[in-house]
Structure formats: C-alpha cells, structure tokens
Amino acid sequence: DRNEAGLEALRAELANTVATEVCVIDLRRYDELEQRLRELVERNGAIDLVIANAGIDHPMRMAACDWRNLTDHFATNVEANFVLLAVLIPCLLAQGGGHVAAISSLGGLAGFPYEAGYCASKAALSAFIESARAELAPKGITFTTIHPGFIDTTMLHGNAFEVPRSMTAPYAAQRIYRAIRARKPTLYFPRSTHLLLLLSKLLPIWIRDRVARDAMKKEYARS
C-alpha cells in the first residue's frame, strides 16, 4: 500500500495471529514493483496464493474530462496486476501450481455515469484474468475473479454511486475467503445486485441509461 500508517496498523492487528511483512510502495511505479516482487520471491520461496486487491475509484464528469484520471485507474486497477502476475506466474508454474484471486467489481459489468475510469478498468481486469485462467488452468494455476458490490470502506464513500445499503468489510471478506478456499472461478455478490445488473442488459438502451443515471449521486448531475 501507499499508506504506511495503515499497513503498520494492520501488522499490529495481525501480530499475534500470523507472521506478516509489509511493503510501502506505489504500484504505479512498475519497475520498483517488479524489483520488490522479485526480492519477495527470492526471500520466501514458494507462493500458495496471490490476491490482487489494489484498486482506486475517483469519479469524473465527462464534461470536465481529464485523461490522467483514466490512466491512473488503469495503472492501478489493471496494469499493476499485469506486473504482479508477470513476476509471479512463472514462479507458480515452476512450483507446479497455485491460486490467484483478483478483486474486480460488479461495476465492471456495466458502464455508469461519472465512473467511466473505474468501470472500464475493472472490466479490463476481469477480461485479463479470464484470459489467464483459460490459458493456465491446464498447468495447475487456478483463478478466482471476484465481483463484489458495495462494501463499506473509505473508497465507497468517495465514489459517485447512490448507495442505499452496503456490506460490511468482514462479511465481504468471509464471502471472498470461502470462494478462494473452494477455488471458484468467479464470485458475484450480493446476488440481488448482480441480478439487477444482468436484467438491466435486457432493457432498451434509453431506459437502461436513465436507470444508470438515477443510480448516481444527485450532486454530480447538478454540477
């Protein structure tokens, strides 16, 4: 993480449960990320599980579009995971297998106003992991692509969605944990939100777009 205080707090929380090692790094600095990953592999040897969880969500109005917003989403949500797996997949192959879990989003299943960067980058991440799964499953590497809905975290409160209700982080973590243990190829939750997204694809485009606009915070529409 880039948040050193947050990492240290997490290490302290886990101190009596499991040995941990934290690393302060900006994942968008790809060369540094690659080097730190190689050091990690050299120091620790076998890897059982990789969880690609880094992500950002910074809403942006198209009327005030800044291409840097889009590239920042792709750099963090997609390209950093390319670097991660470029280093770690050869290690998993060499040891005969392993498991990769990638945290995508239900937001990657559709486009929403003010969330183009987030939705597009999560859709790209899902497609990347799907490609990797199809290619590497015969070689013993399994993948779980996780598509959660609204989880009550700091990132949630900064996005553009009108959130009627959300899941707690511990509840979401338990769902993700069970899916990883079972090595499920995909996880979509909560089921009600996933179903609504699937049904929205059946609507005429003009109705679907109006529903999408109504799902966003009204202050974005007024600005």
Foldseek 3Di string as FASTA:
>chain_A
DQDPVVVVVVCVVCVVPDDDDDDHDDLLVLVVLLVVLVVVCVVPPADAEAEAEWAAFAFDAPVPDDVVLLVVRLSTLPVSVVSVCVNCVVSQLVVQEHEYEYEAALLLLDPFGRGNSNNVNSVVRVVVQVVVQVPCVVRHYAYEYEHEYAEPDPRNVNHFFDDPDHHYPVVVVVVVVVCVVVSPNYYYPDPVVSVVSVVLVVDPPVVSRVVRHVRTDVVVVVD
